């Protein structure tokens, strides 16, 4: 077993115990059990076994061993099945990723809020549909989320999302078919081991609000209650300290400066993200439903028969 040195201060340790039932004894026992399970699992060929990686699954499942094991298998199968779309070759230095970063499509701001959470800024209106494909959108999200998940404090404290819908029109909905969108939303909640604490949205155009309303029917009630639509950024300041937001949204630090800081953070995790491509599973040992459904955790609805990689992806590019 790899030795684990807890990186948390007293406050984060207390939060982990309160929110996730995590104590040093529980953590040590869980890590030993899940590492042994990976070694003996015929479906897993290669997988990271470092504590930071394994704890992201244990923590999101509040140290329920069975649920954490299921989540890890689901994640590994999803990576392999749809790797070229969202999980493989997540290189921040790739020109299209650099461009989307520079344009401020998606980034995490420096620092943490009063609860220790990272704030993720999304500006979908900065996504030029004439220049980028839907795979570029998926991959920049992959780069962002995988980098953030490497930080153990994020695993405990969770994330706050701030989305500015300015510039988004109905045309953007053509990037994905409805059933593809269903899979993405479902996997976003159920497969990625992230703790989404709050979502604040402004500038939702009436023409696309119906799509957001539809998306809300796909997520759990817990997540629905955490999504708030606001009429202006001043309302957001009641929930997010405006000093943490870019200057363009009431803060003091210009967005471009925040993005440069974020790019340095991404570079620091670049090699780790690329090394994740070495993880492999035996797809033939998974159930037919898991393989065909890409472990989307769907319960009814569109079912497993519609592969997410099929359909009318706009300018789909497979590596």
Protein backbone atom coordinates (compact mmCIF):
# COMPACT_ATOMS: atom_id res chain seq x y z
CA UNK A 1 0.00 0.00 0.00
CA UNK A 2 1.24 3.47 -0.91
CA UNK A 3 1.87 5.58 2.19
CA UNK A 4 -0.58 8.44 2.54
CA UNK A 5 0.35 11.80 4.01
CA UNK A 6 -2.77 13.82 4.66
CA UNK A 7 -2.36 17.32 3.17
CA UNK A 8 -5.24 18.91 5.06
CA UNK A 9 -5.21 21.52 7.76
CA UNK A 10 -7.46 21.07 10.80
CA UNK A 11 -10.41 22.87 9.21
CA UNK A 12 -10.43 20.68 6.09
CA UNK A 13 -10.00 17.52 8.14
CA UNK A 14 -13.02 18.50 10.22
CA UNK A 15 -15.01 19.23 7.05
CA UNK A 16 -14.05 15.84 5.59
CA UNK A 17 -15.24 14.04 8.70
CA UNK A 18 -18.47 16.04 8.92
CA UNK A 19 -19.42 15.88 5.24
CA UNK A 20 -17.87 12.61 4.10
CA UNK A 21 -17.43 10.52 7.28
CA UNK A 22 -13.68 10.58 6.59
CA UNK A 23 -11.33 9.82 9.47
CA UNK A 24 -7.74 8.65 9.30
CA UNK A 25 -8.81 5.14 10.28
CA UNK A 26 -11.64 4.94 7.74
CA UNK A 27 -9.43 6.42 5.02
CA UNK A 28 -6.56 4.03 5.66
CA UNK A 29 -8.83 0.99 5.69
CA UNK A 30 -10.71 2.10 2.56
CA UNK A 31 -7.54 2.78 0.60
CA UNK A 32 -6.14 -0.64 1.47
CA UNK A 33 -9.37 -2.39 0.46
CA UNK A 34 -9.85 -0.57 -2.84
CA UNK A 35 -6.20 -1.05 -3.86
CA UNK A 36 -6.50 -4.78 -3.15
CA UNK A 37 -9.78 -4.88 -5.10
CA UNK A 38 -8.12 -3.24 -8.13
CA UNK A 39 -5.27 -5.77 -8.07
CA UNK A 40 -7.72 -8.69 -8.07
CA UNK A 41 -10.29 -7.21 -10.47
CA UNK A 42 -10.04 -8.98 -13.85
CA UNK A 43 -11.89 -6.14 -15.58
CA UNK A 44 -9.15 -3.64 -14.73
CA UNK A 45 -5.86 -4.04 -16.61
CA UNK A 46 -4.05 -0.88 -15.52
CA UNK A 47 -5.23 1.82 -13.15
CA UNK A 48 -3.73 4.48 -10.97
CA UNK A 49 -3.55 3.35 -7.36
CA UNK A 50 -2.15 6.48 -5.77
CA UNK A 51 -4.26 7.71 -2.84
CA UNK A 52 -5.19 11.04 -4.42
CA UNK A 53 -6.77 9.32 -7.41
CA UNK A 54 -8.63 6.66 -5.42
CA UNK A 55 -9.84 9.07 -2.77
CA UNK A 56 -11.77 11.15 -5.31
CA UNK A 57 -14.11 8.15 -5.73
CA UNK A 58 -14.21 7.22 -2.06
CA UNK A 59 -14.99 10.79 -1.06
CA UNK A 60 -17.78 11.39 -3.56
CA UNK A 61 -19.39 8.17 -2.31
CA UNK A 62 -18.76 9.05 1.35
CA UNK A 63 -16.53 5.98 1.76
CA UNK A 64 -19.16 3.46 0.71
CA UNK A 65 -16.80 0.84 -0.68
CA UNK A 66 -19.28 -0.81 -3.05
CA UNK A 67 -20.42 2.51 -4.52
CA UNK A 68 -16.84 3.76 -4.87
CA UNK A 69 -15.80 0.58 -6.69
CA UNK A 70 -18.77 0.86 -9.04
CA UNK A 71 -17.98 4.54 -9.69
CA UNK A 72 -14.34 3.79 -10.45
CA UNK A 73 -15.21 1.03 -12.93
CA UNK A 74 -17.81 3.25 -14.57
CA UNK A 75 -15.28 6.07 -14.89
CA UNK A 76 -12.58 3.82 -16.37
CA UNK A 77 -14.99 2.29 -18.89
CA UNK A 78 -16.27 5.70 -19.89
CA UNK A 79 -12.71 6.96 -20.38
CA UNK A 80 -11.88 4.07 -22.65
CA UNK A 81 -15.14 4.07 -24.59
CA UNK A 82 -15.25 7.79 -25.29
CA UNK A 83 -11.64 8.68 -24.68
CA UNK A 84 -10.98 10.54 -27.90
CA UNK A 85 -13.93 12.77 -27.22
CA UNK A 86 -13.26 13.89 -23.68
CA UNK A 87 -10.65 11.92 -21.75
CA UNK A 88 -7.58 11.04 -23.81
CA UNK A 89 -4.72 13.34 -24.82
CA UNK A 90 -5.92 16.14 -22.58
CA UNK A 91 -3.02 18.40 -23.45
CA UNK A 92 -3.36 22.00 -22.33
CA UNK A 93 -0.61 22.93 -24.77
CA UNK A 94 -2.67 21.81 -27.76
CA UNK A 95 -3.39 24.98 -29.81
CA UNK A 96 -7.19 24.70 -29.72
CA UNK A 97 -7.17 24.27 -25.95
CA UNK A 98 -4.91 27.31 -25.62
CA UNK A 99 -7.24 29.37 -27.80
CA UNK A 100 -10.34 28.42 -25.82
CA UNK A 101 -8.52 29.30 -22.62
CA UNK A 102 -7.38 32.65 -23.95
CA UNK A 103 -10.92 33.43 -25.05
CA UNK A 104 -12.19 32.76 -21.53
CA UNK A 105 -14.55 29.93 -22.39
CA UNK A 106 -13.86 27.97 -19.19
CA UNK A 107 -11.45 28.54 -16.30
CA UNK A 108 -11.11 28.37 -12.53
CA UNK A 109 -10.39 31.57 -10.64
CA UNK A 110 -7.51 31.86 -8.17
CA UNK A 111 -8.22 31.29 -4.51
CA UNK A 112 -11.20 29.81 -2.70
CA UNK A 113 -14.43 31.13 -1.26
CA UNK A 114 -15.14 31.29 2.48
CA UNK A 115 -16.05 27.60 2.44
CA UNK A 116 -12.81 26.62 0.72
CA UNK A 117 -14.44 25.88 -2.63
CA UNK A 118 -12.98 26.57 -6.08
CA UNK A 119 -15.04 28.73 -8.43
CA UNK A 120 -15.34 27.68 -12.08
CA UNK A 121 -16.27 30.33 -14.65
CA UNK A 122 -18.06 29.23 -17.83
CA UNK A 123 -18.73 31.61 -20.72
CA UNK A 124 -20.36 29.48 -23.46
CA UNK A 125 -20.87 32.56 -25.63
CA UNK A 126 -17.08 32.61 -26.15
CA UNK A 127 -17.31 29.30 -28.00
CA UNK A 128 -17.09 30.04 -31.73
CA UNK A 129 -19.09 27.34 -33.52
CA UNK A 130 -17.54 28.27 -36.85
CA UNK A 131 -14.08 27.61 -35.44
CA UNK A 132 -14.44 24.78 -32.93
CA UNK A 133 -16.12 21.36 -32.87
CA UNK A 134 -18.13 19.74 -30.11
CA UNK A 135 -15.12 17.57 -29.29
CA UNK A 136 -13.15 20.74 -28.50
CA UNK A 137 -15.88 21.71 -26.05
CA UNK A 138 -15.77 18.31 -24.36
CA UNK A 139 -11.99 18.25 -24.17
CA UNK A 140 -11.59 21.69 -22.58
CA UNK A 141 -14.07 20.57 -19.94
CA UNK A 142 -12.03 17.40 -19.52
CA UNK A 143 -8.80 19.36 -19.06
CA UNK A 144 -10.48 21.65 -16.53
CA UNK A 145 -12.25 19.05 -14.42
CA UNK A 146 -9.46 16.46 -14.42
CA UNK A 147 -6.99 19.11 -13.28
CA UNK A 148 -9.25 20.28 -10.47
CA UNK A 149 -9.92 16.73 -9.31
CA UNK A 150 -6.19 16.20 -8.74
CA UNK A 151 -6.38 18.62 -5.79
CA UNK A 152 -7.51 16.78 -2.67
CA UNK A 153 -8.91 19.87 -1.00
CA UNK A 154 -11.25 20.24 -3.98
CA UNK A 155 -12.36 16.65 -3.45
CA UNK A 156 -13.54 17.60 0.03
CA UNK A 157 -14.67 21.21 -0.41
CA UNK A 158 -16.29 20.91 -3.83
CA UNK A 159 -16.99 23.48 -6.54
CA UNK A 160 -19.07 26.55 -7.26
CA UNK A 161 -20.00 27.21 -10.90
CA UNK A 162 -20.70 30.63 -12.38
CA UNK A 163 -22.05 30.66 -15.93
CA UNK A 164 -22.60 33.72 -18.11
CA UNK A 165 -24.95 32.81 -20.96
CA UNK A 166 -24.43 36.06 -22.87
CA UNK A 167 -24.02 35.42 -26.58
CA UNK A 168 -25.51 31.92 -26.50
CA UNK A 169 -28.18 31.34 -29.14
CA UNK A 170 -30.34 28.43 -30.25
CA UNK A 171 -27.74 27.51 -32.86
CA UNK A 172 -25.42 26.21 -30.15
CA UNK A 173 -27.94 23.49 -29.31
CA UNK A 174 -27.10 21.84 -32.65
CA UNK A 175 -23.68 20.83 -31.30
CA UNK A 176 -25.26 17.73 -29.73
CA UNK A 177 -28.38 15.73 -30.42
CA UNK A 178 -30.87 15.60 -27.52
CA UNK A 179 -29.88 12.05 -26.65
CA UNK A 180 -26.19 12.91 -26.74
CA UNK A 181 -26.91 15.84 -24.46
CA UNK A 182 -28.74 13.51 -22.08
CA UNK A 183 -25.72 11.24 -21.85
CA UNK A 184 -23.36 14.16 -21.23
CA UNK A 185 -25.51 15.68 -18.48
CA UNK A 186 -26.04 12.32 -16.79
CA UNK A 187 -22.37 11.41 -16.88
CA UNK A 188 -21.42 14.86 -15.69
CA UNK A 189 -23.28 14.27 -12.47
CA UNK A 190 -22.96 10.52 -11.96
CA UNK A 191 -19.62 9.49 -13.42
CA UNK A 192 -17.20 12.35 -12.80
CA UNK A 193 -16.28 12.26 -9.09
CA UNK A 194 -16.92 15.95 -8.40
CA UNK A 195 -18.92 17.61 -5.64
CA UNK A 196 -20.95 20.38 -7.24
CA UNK A 197 -22.11 22.65 -4.43
CA UNK A 198 -23.65 25.65 -6.22
CA UNK A 199 -24.42 26.73 -9.80
CA UNK A 200 -25.19 30.38 -10.57
CA UNK A 201 -26.31 31.42 -14.05
CA UNK A 202 -26.92 34.84 -15.62
CA UNK A 203 -27.96 36.04 -19.07
CA UNK A 204 -29.99 33.02 -20.07
CA UNK A 205 -31.65 33.94 -23.34
CA UNK A 206 -35.36 32.98 -23.51
CA UNK A 207 -34.73 31.05 -26.72
CA UNK A 208 -32.42 28.59 -24.95
CA UNK A 209 -34.07 28.51 -21.54
CA UNK A 210 -36.21 25.56 -22.62
CA UNK A 211 -33.01 23.54 -23.15
CA UNK A 212 -31.82 24.38 -19.66
CA UNK A 213 -35.21 23.46 -18.24
CA UNK A 214 -34.92 20.11 -20.03
CA UNK A 215 -31.42 19.59 -18.65
CA UNK A 216 -32.73 20.16 -15.13
CA UNK A 217 -35.10 17.21 -15.53
CA UNK A 218 -32.10 14.93 -16.09
CA UNK A 219 -30.19 15.64 -12.89
CA UNK A 220 -30.99 14.71 -9.32
CA UNK A 221 -33.22 16.86 -7.14
CA UNK A 222 -30.17 17.63 -5.02
CA UNK A 223 -28.41 19.26 -7.98
CA UNK A 224 -31.58 21.00 -9.19
CA UNK A 225 -31.88 22.75 -5.86
CA UNK A 226 -28.34 24.04 -6.21
CA UNK A 227 -28.90 25.71 -9.59
CA UNK A 228 -29.91 29.36 -9.38
CA UNK A 229 -30.82 31.64 -12.29
CA UNK A 230 -30.17 35.34 -11.70
CA UNK A 231 -31.33 38.42 -13.56
CA UNK A 232 -28.00 40.22 -13.12
CA UNK A 233 -24.50 39.77 -11.71
CA UNK A 234 -25.33 41.83 -8.63
CA UNK A 235 -27.63 39.01 -7.51
CA UNK A 236 -24.73 36.59 -7.91
CA UNK A 237 -22.66 38.75 -5.54
CA UNK A 238 -25.10 37.79 -2.80
CA UNK A 239 -23.82 34.22 -3.14
CA UNK A 240 -20.25 34.62 -4.42
CA UNK A 241 -17.84 37.15 -2.97
CA UNK A 242 -17.38 39.53 -5.87
CA UNK A 243 -13.69 39.96 -5.03
CA UNK A 244 -13.22 36.36 -6.21
CA UNK A 245 -14.80 37.05 -9.60
CA UNK A 246 -13.03 38.62 -12.59
CA UNK A 247 -13.04 42.41 -12.80
CA UNK A 248 -15.51 42.13 -15.67
CA UNK A 249 -18.03 40.70 -13.17
CA UNK A 250 -17.42 43.10 -10.29
CA UNK A 251 -14.09 41.85 -8.97
CA UNK A 252 -10.67 43.50 -9.02
CA UNK A 253 -8.48 41.12 -11.03
CA UNK A 254 -8.95 41.25 -14.83
CA UNK A 255 -10.17 38.06 -16.48
CA UNK A 256 -7.06 37.80 -18.65
CA UNK A 257 -4.85 37.81 -15.55
CA UNK A 258 -6.94 35.09 -13.92
CA UNK A 259 -6.73 33.00 -17.08
CA UNK A 260 -2.93 33.27 -17.14
CA UNK A 261 -2.82 32.07 -13.53
CA UNK A 262 -5.13 29.17 -14.40
CA UNK A 263 -2.98 28.19 -17.38
CA UNK A 264 0.03 27.86 -15.07
CA UNK A 265 -2.02 25.61 -12.80
CA UNK A 266 -3.02 23.48 -15.78
CA UNK A 267 0.60 23.15 -16.87
CA UNK A 268 1.52 21.91 -13.42
CA UNK A 269 -0.83 18.94 -13.86
CA UNK A 270 -0.23 18.40 -17.57
CA UNK A 271 1.99 15.32 -17.26
CA UNK A 272 -0.35 13.68 -14.79
CA UNK A 273 -3.35 14.16 -17.07
CA UNK A 274 -1.46 12.72 -20.03
CA UNK A 275 -0.31 9.74 -17.97
CA UNK A 276 -3.95 8.90 -17.26
CA UNK A 277 -4.13 7.62 -20.84
CA UNK A 278 -2.28 4.49 -19.66
CA UNK A 279 -5.30 3.24 -17.73
CA UNK A 280 -7.08 0.30 -19.38
CA UNK A 281 -10.02 -2.01 -18.74
CA UNK A 282 -11.15 -5.29 -20.30
CA UNK A 283 -14.30 -4.14 -22.08
CA UNK A 284 -15.21 -7.71 -22.99
CA UNK A 285 -15.62 -8.53 -19.30
CA UNK A 286 -18.22 -5.83 -18.70
CA UNK A 287 -21.89 -6.53 -19.21
CA UNK A 288 -23.43 -5.80 -22.59
CA UNK A 289 -25.59 -3.11 -21.03
CA UNK A 290 -22.57 -1.37 -19.52
CA UNK A 291 -20.65 -1.42 -22.81
CA UNK A 292 -23.49 -0.35 -25.06
CA UNK A 293 -24.83 2.22 -22.64
CA UNK A 294 -21.37 3.54 -21.92
CA UNK A 295 -22.26 3.33 -18.25
CA UNK A 296 -24.29 6.48 -18.59
CA UNK A 297 -26.29 5.53 -15.50
CA UNK A 298 -29.52 6.20 -17.37
CA UNK A 299 -32.73 4.90 -15.91
CA UNK A 300 -35.09 4.52 -18.84
CA UNK A 301 -35.45 7.29 -21.40
CA UNK A 302 -33.04 7.04 -24.28
CA UNK A 303 -31.54 3.70 -23.25
CA UNK A 304 -28.28 2.12 -24.39
CA UNK A 305 -29.05 1.62 -28.05
CA UNK A 306 -27.93 5.09 -29.15
CA UNK A 307 -24.16 5.30 -28.95
CA UNK A 308 -23.02 8.79 -28.02
CA UNK A 309 -20.36 8.69 -30.71
CA UNK A 310 -23.02 8.10 -33.35
CA UNK A 311 -25.46 10.63 -34.67
CA UNK A 312 -25.08 14.09 -36.04
CA UNK A 313 -22.02 15.42 -34.25
CA UNK A 314 -21.04 18.61 -35.98
CA UNK A 315 -17.52 18.40 -37.44
CA UNK A 316 -16.73 15.35 -35.30
CA UNK A 317 -13.03 14.63 -35.20
CA UNK A 318 -11.78 11.34 -33.79
CA UNK A 319 -8.11 11.15 -32.83
